[in-house]
Amino acid sequence: MNATIRPYRDNDLDALYDVCVRTADRGDDLTGALADPLLPGHLYAAPYGVLEPESAFVVEDAAGVGGYIVGTTDTAAFEERLEAEWLPALRGRYPGGSGGGDADTMYIALLHHPPRQDVAIVADYPAHLHIDLLPRVQGLGLGRRLIERFCAEMQHRGVAGVHFGVHPLNHRALAFYNHVGFAELSTDGGAVVLGRRFA
């Protein structure tokens, strides 16, 4: 199967939402558990495509977009942009405490109270990323290529390091990221934070 990696385009936004919900359950599909399947994408994919498209790349094959890596060069500044430009409209659309089920309610709570990244980690690893691949494009080396493409872009822009979180029970992913140069920085119970320095 031929698949290519290319920069994100504005018309890829729907695909970001689709891939995000179909991988939201530690790599598995969460669509059936959500009344609103857009919720994961509102948090973990779409804002990057809208607010920092130059830091987003997608995997595309004959069936369309099958994966992505999105992120930001500056986590602290991006969090401020989320508060100013992204979250207010969503909070109006999804009032606190609303939701069609437990999963919806959890995501809506995160829209109203998004976690802030640890300032000590951000100081040394100012960039962060999210990466997701659908099963049809897994096992082809594309995850590694996406990571390297993103990291090369961060280095080109003079970023000192990048971090992201992984579910602590996702042992396969943790082993993969260790293999491609990420080290464990912290564990807060909800996620293992991994980082990679460039300078």
N, C-alpha and C. Protein backbone atom coordinates (compact mmCIF):
# COMPACT_ATOMS: atom_id res chain seq x y z
N MET A 1 0.85 -1.19 0.00
CA MET A 1 0.00 0.00 0.00
C MET A 1 0.89 1.25 0.00
N ASN A 2 0.68 2.12 -0.97
CA ASN A 2 1.45 3.35 -1.04
C ASN A 2 0.82 4.41 -0.16
N ALA A 3 1.63 5.03 0.67
CA ALA A 3 1.17 6.12 1.52
C ALA A 3 2.27 7.16 1.56
N THR A 4 1.85 8.41 1.57
CA THR A 4 2.81 9.51 1.59
C THR A 4 2.54 10.41 2.80
N ILE A 5 3.56 11.12 3.18
CA ILE A 5 3.44 12.14 4.23
C ILE A 5 3.54 13.49 3.56
N ARG A 6 2.61 14.36 3.90
CA ARG A 6 2.61 15.70 3.31
C ARG A 6 2.16 16.72 4.35
N PRO A 7 2.42 18.01 4.09
CA PRO A 7 1.93 19.04 5.01
C PRO A 7 0.40 19.07 5.06
N TYR A 8 -0.11 19.44 6.19
CA TYR A 8 -1.55 19.61 6.40
C TYR A 8 -2.09 20.70 5.47
N ARG A 9 -3.32 20.48 4.99
CA ARG A 9 -4.04 21.48 4.21
C ARG A 9 -5.35 21.81 4.92
N ASP A 10 -5.90 22.98 4.63
CA ASP A 10 -7.14 23.40 5.29
C ASP A 10 -8.27 22.39 5.09
N ASN A 11 -8.33 21.75 3.94
CA ASN A 11 -9.42 20.81 3.69
C ASN A 11 -9.21 19.44 4.34
N ASP A 12 -8.17 19.30 5.15
CA ASP A 12 -7.92 18.07 5.91
C ASP A 12 -8.60 18.10 7.29
N LEU A 13 -9.26 19.19 7.63
CA LEU A 13 -9.77 19.33 9.00
C LEU A 13 -10.75 18.20 9.36
N ASP A 14 -11.69 17.88 8.47
CA ASP A 14 -12.63 16.80 8.76
C ASP A 14 -11.89 15.48 8.99
N ALA A 15 -10.82 15.25 8.25
CA ALA A 15 -10.04 14.02 8.42
C ALA A 15 -9.36 13.99 9.77
N LEU A 16 -8.90 15.14 10.27
CA LEU A 16 -8.31 15.17 11.61
C LEU A 16 -9.34 14.70 12.63
N TYR A 17 -10.55 15.24 12.53
CA TYR A 17 -11.60 14.82 13.46
C TYR A 17 -11.85 13.32 13.35
N ASP A 18 -11.93 12.81 12.13
CA ASP A 18 -12.25 11.40 11.92
C ASP A 18 -11.17 10.49 12.49
N VAL A 19 -9.92 10.75 12.17
CA VAL A 19 -8.83 9.92 12.67
C VAL A 19 -8.76 10.01 14.19
N CYS A 20 -8.97 11.20 14.73
CA CYS A 20 -8.86 11.39 16.17
C CYS A 20 -9.86 10.51 16.92
N VAL A 21 -11.14 10.54 16.52
CA VAL A 21 -12.13 9.75 17.26
C VAL A 21 -11.92 8.25 17.02
N ARG A 22 -11.42 7.88 15.87
CA ARG A 22 -11.23 6.46 15.55
C ARG A 22 -9.97 5.88 16.20
N THR A 23 -9.20 6.72 16.89
CA THR A 23 -8.01 6.26 17.62
C THR A 23 -8.02 6.73 19.08
N ALA A 24 -9.14 7.30 19.53
CA ALA A 24 -9.17 7.99 20.82
C ALA A 24 -9.13 7.07 22.03
N ASP A 25 -9.45 5.79 21.84
CA ASP A 25 -9.45 4.85 22.95
C ASP A 25 -8.15 4.06 22.96
N ARG A 26 -7.05 4.76 23.28
CA ARG A 26 -5.71 4.15 23.29
C ARG A 26 -5.40 3.46 21.97
N GLY A 27 -5.78 4.13 20.89
CA GLY A 27 -5.54 3.61 19.55
C GLY A 27 -6.73 2.94 18.92
N ASP A 28 -7.77 2.67 19.72
CA ASP A 28 -8.98 2.03 19.20
C ASP A 28 -10.09 3.05 18.98
N ASP A 29 -11.12 2.63 18.26
CA ASP A 29 -12.23 3.50 17.86
C ASP A 29 -13.15 3.81 19.04
N LEU A 30 -13.42 5.08 19.26
CA LEU A 30 -14.30 5.51 20.34
C LEU A 30 -15.64 6.01 19.81
N THR A 31 -15.85 5.94 18.51
CA THR A 31 -17.03 6.52 17.90
C THR A 31 -18.33 6.05 18.56
N GLY A 32 -18.46 4.74 18.75
CA GLY A 32 -19.69 4.19 19.28
C GLY A 32 -19.98 4.56 20.72
N ALA A 33 -18.98 5.02 21.44
CA ALA A 33 -19.16 5.37 22.86
C ALA A 33 -19.51 6.84 23.05
N LEU A 34 -19.56 7.61 21.98
CA LEU A 34 -19.79 9.05 22.08
C LEU A 34 -21.07 9.46 21.39
N ALA A 35 -21.84 10.30 22.04
CA ALA A 35 -22.99 10.91 21.38
C ALA A 35 -22.52 11.92 20.34
N ASP A 36 -21.41 12.59 20.62
CA ASP A 36 -20.83 13.57 19.69
C ASP A 36 -19.41 13.14 19.35
N PRO A 37 -19.19 12.52 18.19
CA PRO A 37 -17.85 12.03 17.86
C PRO A 37 -16.83 13.12 17.55
N LEU A 38 -17.25 14.38 17.53
CA LEU A 38 -16.29 15.46 17.30
C LEU A 38 -15.50 15.82 18.56
N LEU A 39 -15.97 15.40 19.71
CA LEU A 39 -15.37 15.88 20.97
C LEU A 39 -13.87 15.60 21.09
N PRO A 40 -13.37 14.40 20.83
CA PRO A 40 -11.92 14.23 20.95
C PRO A 40 -11.13 15.15 20.03
N GLY A 41 -11.62 15.32 18.81
CA GLY A 41 -10.93 16.19 17.86
C GLY A 41 -10.91 17.65 18.27
N HIS A 42 -11.96 18.10 18.97
CA HIS A 42 -11.98 19.48 19.46
C HIS A 42 -10.80 19.75 20.39
N LEU A 43 -10.35 18.72 21.08
CA LEU A 43 -9.27 18.88 22.06
C LEU A 43 -7.90 18.55 21.49
N TYR A 44 -7.80 17.46 20.75
CA TYR A 44 -6.48 16.89 20.47
C TYR A 44 -6.02 16.96 19.01
N ALA A 45 -6.84 17.46 18.12
CA ALA A 45 -6.43 17.50 16.71
C ALA A 45 -6.77 18.80 16.02
N ALA A 46 -8.05 19.15 15.98
CA ALA A 46 -8.49 20.30 15.18
C ALA A 46 -7.84 21.62 15.55
N PRO A 47 -7.67 21.95 16.84
CA PRO A 47 -7.09 23.27 17.12
C PRO A 47 -5.69 23.45 16.54
N TYR A 48 -4.96 22.36 16.38
CA TYR A 48 -3.61 22.47 15.81
C TYR A 48 -3.70 22.75 14.31
N GLY A 49 -4.62 22.08 13.63
CA GLY A 49 -4.81 22.35 12.22
C GLY A 49 -5.26 23.77 11.95
N VAL A 50 -6.07 24.31 12.85
CA VAL A 50 -6.61 25.67 12.67
C VAL A 50 -5.62 26.73 13.13
N LEU A 51 -5.02 26.54 14.30
CA LEU A 51 -4.19 27.59 14.90
C LEU A 51 -2.71 27.50 14.52
N GLU A 52 -2.22 26.30 14.22
CA GLU A 52 -0.80 26.17 13.86
C GLU A 52 -0.63 25.11 12.75
N PRO A 53 -1.23 25.38 11.59
CA PRO A 53 -1.19 24.38 10.51
C PRO A 53 0.21 24.09 10.00
N GLU A 54 1.13 25.02 10.18
CA GLU A 54 2.49 24.80 9.70
C GLU A 54 3.23 23.72 10.50
N SER A 55 2.67 23.31 11.63
CA SER A 55 3.27 22.25 12.44
C SER A 55 2.50 20.94 12.33
N ALA A 56 1.71 20.79 11.29
CA ALA A 56 0.88 19.59 11.12
C ALA A 56 1.22 18.89 9.81
N PHE A 57 1.26 17.56 9.88
CA PHE A 57 1.53 16.73 8.71
C PHE A 57 0.56 15.55 8.73
N VAL A 58 0.18 15.08 7.56
CA VAL A 58 -0.75 13.96 7.46
C VAL A 58 -0.16 12.84 6.63
N VAL A 59 -0.67 11.63 6.89
CA VAL A 59 -0.40 10.46 6.06
C VAL A 59 -1.59 10.29 5.13
N GLU A 60 -1.32 10.15 3.85
CA GLU A 60 -2.39 9.98 2.88
C GLU A 60 -2.10 8.78 1.99
N ASP A 61 -3.15 7.97 1.76
CA ASP A 61 -3.06 6.87 0.82
C ASP A 61 -4.26 6.93 -0.12
N ALA A 62 -4.50 5.88 -0.87
CA ALA A 62 -5.58 5.90 -1.85
C ALA A 62 -6.95 6.08 -1.21
N ALA A 63 -7.08 5.72 0.07
CA ALA A 63 -8.35 5.86 0.78
C ALA A 63 -8.51 7.23 1.45
N GLY A 64 -7.49 8.06 1.37
CA GLY A 64 -7.55 9.39 1.99
C GLY A 64 -6.57 9.52 3.13
N VAL A 65 -6.83 10.47 4.01
CA VAL A 65 -5.95 10.71 5.16
C VAL A 65 -6.16 9.59 6.17
N GLY A 66 -5.07 8.95 6.54
CA GLY A 66 -5.14 7.84 7.49
C GLY A 66 -4.38 8.07 8.76
N GLY A 67 -3.81 9.25 8.93
CA GLY A 67 -3.07 9.55 10.15
C GLY A 67 -2.54 10.96 10.11
N TYR A 68 -2.02 11.39 11.25
CA TYR A 68 -1.48 12.75 11.35
C TYR A 68 -0.50 12.86 12.49
N ILE A 69 0.28 13.90 12.43
CA ILE A 69 1.01 14.40 13.58
C ILE A 69 0.75 15.91 13.62
N VAL A 70 0.31 16.39 14.76
CA VAL A 70 0.03 17.82 14.94
C VAL A 70 0.72 18.28 16.22
N GLY A 71 0.96 19.56 16.31
CA GLY A 71 1.60 20.06 17.52
C GLY A 71 1.86 21.54 17.44
N THR A 72 2.73 21.98 18.32
CA THR A 72 3.07 23.39 18.41
C THR A 72 4.52 23.55 18.80
N THR A 73 5.13 24.63 18.35
CA THR A 73 6.50 24.93 18.74
C THR A 73 6.58 25.49 20.15
N ASP A 74 5.49 26.08 20.64
CA ASP A 74 5.51 26.81 21.91
C ASP A 74 4.25 26.46 22.71
N THR A 75 4.38 25.52 23.63
CA THR A 75 3.22 25.02 24.37
C THR A 75 2.55 26.12 25.18
N ALA A 76 3.33 26.93 25.88
CA ALA A 76 2.73 27.97 26.72
C ALA A 76 1.94 28.97 25.89
N ALA A 77 2.49 29.40 24.77
CA ALA A 77 1.78 30.35 23.91
C ALA A 77 0.55 29.70 23.29
N PHE A 78 0.66 28.43 22.94
CA PHE A 78 -0.48 27.74 22.33
C PHE A 78 -1.62 27.61 23.33
N GLU A 79 -1.31 27.32 24.58
CA GLU A 79 -2.35 27.25 25.60
C GLU A 79 -3.09 28.57 25.74
N GLU A 80 -2.36 29.66 25.63
CA GLU A 80 -3.01 30.98 25.69
C GLU A 80 -3.90 31.21 24.47
N ARG A 81 -3.44 30.78 23.30
CA ARG A 81 -4.27 30.92 22.10
C ARG A 81 -5.54 30.07 22.20
N LEU A 82 -5.42 28.88 22.76
CA LEU A 82 -6.61 28.06 22.96
C LEU A 82 -7.65 28.79 23.79
N GLU A 83 -7.20 29.40 24.87
CA GLU A 83 -8.12 30.12 25.76
C GLU A 83 -8.75 31.32 25.06
N ALA A 84 -8.01 31.97 24.21
CA ALA A 84 -8.50 33.19 23.57
C ALA A 84 -9.29 32.92 22.29
N GLU A 85 -8.85 31.93 21.51
CA GLU A 85 -9.36 31.79 20.15
C GLU A 85 -10.14 30.51 19.87
N TRP A 86 -9.99 29.49 20.69
CA TRP A 86 -10.58 28.19 20.36
C TRP A 86 -11.65 27.75 21.34
N LEU A 87 -11.34 27.81 22.62
CA LEU A 87 -12.23 27.23 23.63
C LEU A 87 -13.50 28.04 23.91
N PRO A 88 -13.51 29.36 23.83
CA PRO A 88 -14.75 30.08 24.18
C PRO A 88 -15.98 29.63 23.38
N ALA A 89 -15.85 29.48 22.08
CA ALA A 89 -17.00 29.05 21.27
C ALA A 89 -17.44 27.64 21.62
N LEU A 90 -16.48 26.76 21.88
CA LEU A 90 -16.81 25.39 22.23
C LEU A 90 -17.49 25.32 23.60
N ARG A 91 -17.06 26.16 24.51
CA ARG A 91 -17.70 26.16 25.84
C ARG A 91 -19.14 26.64 25.74
N GLY A 92 -19.42 27.54 24.81
CA GLY A 92 -20.80 27.95 24.59
C GLY A 92 -21.63 26.85 23.97
N ARG A 93 -21.00 26.07 23.10
CA ARG A 93 -21.70 24.98 22.41
C ARG A 93 -21.94 23.78 23.33
N TYR A 94 -20.98 23.56 24.25
CA TYR A 94 -21.05 22.42 25.17
C TYR A 94 -21.01 22.95 26.61
N PRO A 95 -22.16 23.27 27.20
CA PRO A 95 -22.15 23.79 28.58
C PRO A 95 -21.56 22.78 29.55
N GLY A 96 -20.93 23.27 30.59
CA GLY A 96 -20.36 22.41 31.61
C GLY A 96 -21.40 21.48 32.19
N GLY A 97 -21.03 20.21 32.37
CA GLY A 97 -21.95 19.23 32.92
C GLY A 97 -22.84 18.57 31.91
N SER A 98 -22.79 19.02 30.65
CA SER A 98 -23.63 18.42 29.62
C SER A 98 -22.91 17.20 29.03
N GLY A 99 -23.62 16.48 28.19
CA GLY A 99 -23.03 15.32 27.54
C GLY A 99 -24.01 14.19 27.45
N GLY A 100 -23.89 13.39 26.40
CA GLY A 100 -24.81 12.29 26.19
C GLY A 100 -24.42 11.01 26.88
N GLY A 101 -23.30 10.98 27.54
CA GLY A 101 -22.81 9.79 28.23
C GLY A 101 -21.54 10.12 28.97
N ASP A 102 -20.97 9.13 29.65
CA ASP A 102 -19.78 9.38 30.47
C ASP A 102 -18.61 9.91 29.66
N ALA A 103 -18.39 9.32 28.47
CA ALA A 103 -17.25 9.77 27.66
C ALA A 103 -17.46 11.20 27.18
N ASP A 104 -18.66 11.53 26.73
CA ASP A 104 -18.95 12.90 26.30
C ASP A 104 -18.73 13.87 27.45
N THR A 105 -19.24 13.52 28.63
CA THR A 105 -19.13 14.40 29.80
C THR A 105 -17.67 14.64 30.16
N MET A 106 -16.84 13.60 30.04
CA MET A 106 -15.41 13.74 30.34
C MET A 106 -14.75 14.73 29.39
N TYR A 107 -15.02 14.59 28.08
CA TYR A 107 -14.41 15.50 27.11
C TYR A 107 -14.92 16.93 27.29
N ILE A 108 -16.19 17.08 27.58
CA ILE A 108 -16.74 18.43 27.80
C ILE A 108 -16.11 19.07 29.03
N ALA A 109 -15.89 18.28 30.07
CA ALA A 109 -15.21 18.82 31.26
C ALA A 109 -13.81 19.31 30.90
N LEU A 110 -13.12 18.58 30.01
CA LEU A 110 -11.78 19.01 29.59
C LEU A 110 -11.82 20.28 28.76
N LEU A 111 -12.90 20.49 28.00
CA LEU A 111 -13.04 21.75 27.28
C LEU A 111 -13.13 22.93 28.24
N HIS A 112 -13.76 22.71 29.39
CA HIS A 112 -13.92 23.78 30.37
C HIS A 112 -12.73 23.89 31.32
N HIS A 113 -12.03 22.80 31.51
CA HIS A 113 -10.88 22.79 32.43
C HIS A 113 -9.73 22.00 31.81
N PRO A 114 -9.14 22.53 30.74
CA PRO A 114 -8.05 21.79 30.08
C PRO A 114 -6.83 21.71 30.98
N PRO A 115 -6.17 20.56 30.97
CA PRO A 115 -4.95 20.45 31.80
C PRO A 115 -3.85 21.34 31.24
N ARG A 116 -3.10 21.93 32.13
CA ARG A 116 -1.93 22.73 31.74
C ARG A 116 -0.69 21.86 31.83
N GLN A 117 0.21 22.07 30.89
CA GLN A 117 1.45 21.31 30.90
C GLN A 117 2.35 21.79 32.04
N ASP A 118 3.13 20.88 32.57
CA ASP A 118 4.07 21.18 33.66
C ASP A 118 5.08 22.22 33.18
N VAL A 119 5.16 23.33 33.90
CA VAL A 119 6.04 24.43 33.47
C VAL A 119 7.50 24.01 33.43
N ALA A 120 7.90 23.09 34.32
CA ALA A 120 9.29 22.64 34.32
C ALA A 120 9.60 21.84 33.06
N ILE A 121 8.67 21.02 32.62
CA ILE A 121 8.87 20.26 31.38
C ILE A 121 8.85 21.20 30.18
N VAL A 122 7.91 22.12 30.16
CA VAL A 122 7.80 23.05 29.04
C VAL A 122 9.05 23.92 28.90
N ALA A 123 9.70 24.22 30.01
CA ALA A 123 10.91 25.03 29.95
C ALA A 123 12.01 24.37 29.13
N ASP A 124 12.14 23.06 29.24
CA ASP A 124 13.17 22.33 28.51
C ASP A 124 12.67 21.68 27.22
N TYR A 125 11.37 21.45 27.15
CA TYR A 125 10.75 20.78 26.00
C TYR A 125 9.54 21.62 25.57
N PRO A 126 9.78 22.78 24.98
CA PRO A 126 8.68 23.73 24.76
C PRO A 126 7.64 23.28 23.73
N ALA A 127 8.01 22.45 22.79
CA ALA A 127 7.05 21.96 21.80
C ALA A 127 6.30 20.76 22.37
N HIS A 128 5.11 20.50 21.81
CA HIS A 128 4.45 19.23 22.10
C HIS A 128 3.72 18.75 20.85
N LEU A 129 3.32 17.48 20.86
CA LEU A 129 2.72 16.87 19.68
C LEU A 129 1.62 15.89 20.07
N HIS A 130 0.80 15.57 19.06
CA HIS A 130 -0.16 14.47 19.11
C HIS A 130 -0.01 13.71 17.80
N ILE A 131 0.00 12.39 17.88
CA ILE A 131 0.16 11.57 16.68
C ILE A 131 -0.83 10.42 16.73
N ASP A 132 -1.50 10.16 15.61
CA ASP A 132 -2.46 9.07 15.52
C ASP A 132 -2.45 8.49 14.11
N LEU A 133 -2.52 7.17 14.03
CA LEU A 133 -2.57 6.45 12.76
C LEU A 133 -3.70 5.44 12.79
N LEU A 134 -4.50 5.38 11.74
CA LEU A 134 -5.51 4.35 11.62
C LEU A 134 -4.84 3.00 11.35
N PRO A 135 -5.50 1.89 11.69
CA PRO A 135 -4.88 0.58 11.50
C PRO A 135 -4.37 0.32 10.09
N ARG A 136 -5.05 0.84 9.08
CA ARG A 136 -4.65 0.52 7.71
C ARG A 136 -3.29 1.08 7.34
N VAL A 137 -2.80 2.09 8.07
CA VAL A 137 -1.48 2.66 7.76
C VAL A 137 -0.47 2.39 8.87
N GLN A 138 -0.81 1.50 9.78
CA GLN A 138 0.13 1.11 10.82
C GLN A 138 1.04 0.00 10.32
N GLY A 139 2.19 -0.12 10.95
CA GLY A 139 3.12 -1.19 10.59
C GLY A 139 3.89 -0.97 9.31
N LEU A 140 3.85 0.26 8.80
CA LEU A 140 4.54 0.58 7.55
C LEU A 140 5.72 1.53 7.75
N GLY A 141 6.06 1.79 9.00
CA GLY A 141 7.14 2.73 9.29
C GLY A 141 6.72 4.19 9.25
N LEU A 142 5.42 4.45 9.09
CA LEU A 142 4.95 5.82 8.94
C LEU A 142 4.96 6.59 10.25
N GLY A 143 4.75 5.89 11.36
CA GLY A 143 4.83 6.56 12.65
C GLY A 143 6.20 7.15 12.89
N ARG A 144 7.23 6.36 12.63
CA ARG A 144 8.61 6.84 12.76
C ARG A 144 8.86 8.02 11.81
N ARG A 145 8.38 7.89 10.57
CA ARG A 145 8.62 8.96 9.60
C ARG A 145 7.89 10.25 10.00
N LEU A 146 6.68 10.12 10.53
CA LEU A 146 5.97 11.32 11.01
C LEU A 146 6.73 11.98 12.15
N ILE A 147 7.19 11.18 13.10
CA ILE A 147 7.96 11.72 14.22
C ILE A 147 9.20 12.45 13.71
N GLU A 148 9.92 11.83 12.81
CA GLU A 148 11.15 12.46 12.31
C GLU A 148 10.85 13.72 11.51
N ARG A 149 9.77 13.71 10.75
CA ARG A 149 9.39 14.91 10.00
C ARG A 149 9.06 16.06 10.95
N PHE A 150 8.27 15.76 11.98
CA PHE A 150 7.90 16.79 12.94
C PHE A 150 9.12 17.30 13.69
N CYS A 151 9.96 16.39 14.17
CA CYS A 151 11.14 16.79 14.93
C CYS A 151 12.11 17.61 14.07
N ALA A 152 12.25 17.24 12.81
CA ALA A 152 13.11 18.02 11.91
C ALA A 152 12.56 19.43 11.75
N GLU A 153 11.24 19.56 11.66
CA GLU A 153 10.62 20.88 11.54
C GLU A 153 10.86 21.70 12.80
N MET A 154 10.74 21.05 13.97
CA MET A 154 10.99 21.77 15.22
C MET A 154 12.44 22.23 15.31
N GLN A 155 13.38 21.36 14.95
CA GLN A 155 14.78 21.74 14.96
C GLN A 155 15.05 22.89 14.00
N HIS A 156 14.44 22.83 12.82
CA HIS A 156 14.62 23.90 11.83
C HIS A 156 14.16 25.24 12.38
N ARG A 157 13.15 25.22 13.25
CA ARG A 157 12.65 26.46 13.84
C ARG A 157 13.34 26.82 15.14
N GLY A 158 14.37 26.07 15.51
CA GLY A 158 15.16 26.42 16.68
C GLY A 158 14.57 26.01 18.01
N VAL A 159 13.65 25.03 18.00
CA VAL A 159 13.02 24.56 19.23
C VAL A 159 13.98 23.61 19.94
N ALA A 160 14.06 23.72 21.26
CA ALA A 160 15.02 22.94 22.02
C ALA A 160 14.59 21.50 22.26
N GLY A 161 13.27 21.25 22.32
CA GLY A 161 12.80 19.90 22.60
C GLY A 161 11.30 19.80 22.48
N VAL A 162 10.80 18.55 22.44
CA VAL A 162 9.37 18.29 22.29
C VAL A 162 8.95 17.26 23.32
N HIS A 163 7.69 17.36 23.76
CA HIS A 163 7.15 16.38 24.71
C HIS A 163 5.73 16.02 24.33
N PHE A 164 5.21 14.95 24.91
CA PHE A 164 3.81 14.56 24.75
C PHE A 164 3.50 13.47 25.76
N GLY A 165 2.21 13.19 25.92
CA GLY A 165 1.78 12.20 26.89
C GLY A 165 1.28 10.92 26.24
N VAL A 166 1.47 9.80 26.92
CA VAL A 166 1.02 8.49 26.47
C VAL A 166 0.32 7.81 27.65
N HIS A 167 -0.77 7.12 27.38
CA HIS A 167 -1.46 6.39 28.44
C HIS A 167 -0.50 5.36 29.05
N PRO A 168 -0.44 5.27 30.37
CA PRO A 168 0.54 4.37 30.99
C PRO A 168 0.34 2.89 30.68
N LEU A 169 -0.86 2.50 30.23
CA LEU A 169 -1.09 1.10 29.89
C LEU A 169 -0.83 0.80 28.42
N ASN A 170 -0.45 1.82 27.66
CA ASN A 170 -0.17 1.62 26.24
C ASN A 170 1.31 1.22 26.08
N HIS A 171 1.61 0.00 26.49
CA HIS A 171 3.01 -0.45 26.56
C HIS A 171 3.67 -0.51 25.18
N ARG A 172 2.91 -0.88 24.19
CA ARG A 172 3.48 -0.95 22.83
C ARG A 172 3.93 0.43 22.37
N ALA A 173 3.08 1.44 22.59
CA ALA A 173 3.45 2.80 22.19
C ALA A 173 4.65 3.30 22.99
N LEU A 174 4.67 3.02 24.29
CA LEU A 174 5.79 3.46 25.12
C LEU A 174 7.11 2.86 24.62
N ALA A 175 7.08 1.58 24.26
CA ALA A 175 8.29 0.94 23.74
C ALA A 175 8.71 1.56 22.41
N PHE A 176 7.74 1.86 21.55
CA PHE A 176 8.06 2.47 20.26
C PHE A 176 8.71 3.83 20.45
N TYR A 177 8.13 4.68 21.30
CA TYR A 177 8.66 6.03 21.46
C TYR A 177 10.04 6.02 22.12
N ASN A 178 10.27 5.08 23.01
CA ASN A 178 11.61 4.93 23.57
C ASN A 178 12.60 4.56 22.48
N HIS A 179 12.16 3.71 21.56
CA HIS A 179 13.03 3.25 20.46
C HIS A 179 13.39 4.38 19.50
N VAL A 180 12.51 5.39 19.38
CA VAL A 180 12.79 6.49 18.45
C VAL A 180 13.32 7.74 19.17
N GLY A 181 13.86 7.54 20.38
CA GLY A 181 14.62 8.61 21.00
C GLY A 181 13.92 9.44 22.05
N PHE A 182 12.75 9.00 22.53
CA PHE A 182 12.06 9.73 23.58
C PHE A 182 12.34 9.08 24.93
N ALA A 183 12.50 9.92 25.95
CA ALA A 183 12.75 9.44 27.29
C ALA A 183 11.60 9.82 28.21
N GLU A 184 11.35 9.00 29.23
CA GLU A 184 10.29 9.30 30.18
C GLU A 184 10.70 10.49 31.06
N LEU A 185 9.82 11.48 31.13
CA LEU A 185 10.08 12.67 31.92
C LEU A 185 9.31 12.67 33.24
N SER A 186 8.08 12.17 33.21
CA SER A 186 7.27 12.14 34.43
C SER A 186 6.09 11.20 34.21
N THR A 187 5.50 10.81 35.33
CA THR A 187 4.25 10.04 35.31
C THR A 187 3.33 10.64 36.34
N ASP A 188 2.16 11.11 35.90
CA ASP A 188 1.23 11.75 36.84
C ASP A 188 0.02 10.88 37.12
N GLY A 189 0.05 9.62 36.69
CA GLY A 189 -1.08 8.72 36.90
C GLY A 189 -1.95 8.64 35.67
N GLY A 190 -2.23 9.78 35.04
CA GLY A 190 -3.06 9.79 33.84
C GLY A 190 -2.28 9.62 32.57
N ALA A 191 -0.99 9.95 32.59
CA ALA A 191 -0.19 9.87 31.39
C ALA A 191 1.29 9.76 31.76
N VAL A 192 2.01 9.08 30.90
CA VAL A 192 3.46 9.11 30.95
C VAL A 192 3.91 10.20 30.00
N VAL A 193 4.65 11.18 30.49
CA VAL A 193 5.13 12.27 29.64
C VAL A 193 6.51 11.91 29.13
N LEU A 194 6.66 11.92 27.82
CA LEU A 194 7.91 11.60 27.15
C LEU A 194 8.48 12.84 26.50
N GLY A 195 9.79 12.90 26.40
CA GLY A 195 10.41 14.07 25.78
C GLY A 195 11.64 13.70 24.98
N ARG A 196 11.96 14.57 24.04
CA ARG A 196 13.17 14.41 23.22
C ARG A 196 13.78 15.79 23.03
N ARG A 197 15.06 15.89 23.37
CA ARG A 197 15.79 17.16 23.25
C ARG A 197 16.51 17.23 21.92
N PHE A 198 16.61 18.45 21.39
CA PHE A 198 17.33 18.68 20.14
C PHE A 198 18.62 19.44 20.36
N ALA A 199 18.73 20.11 21.49
CA ALA A 199 19.92 20.93 21.74
C ALA A 199 20.27 20.89 23.20
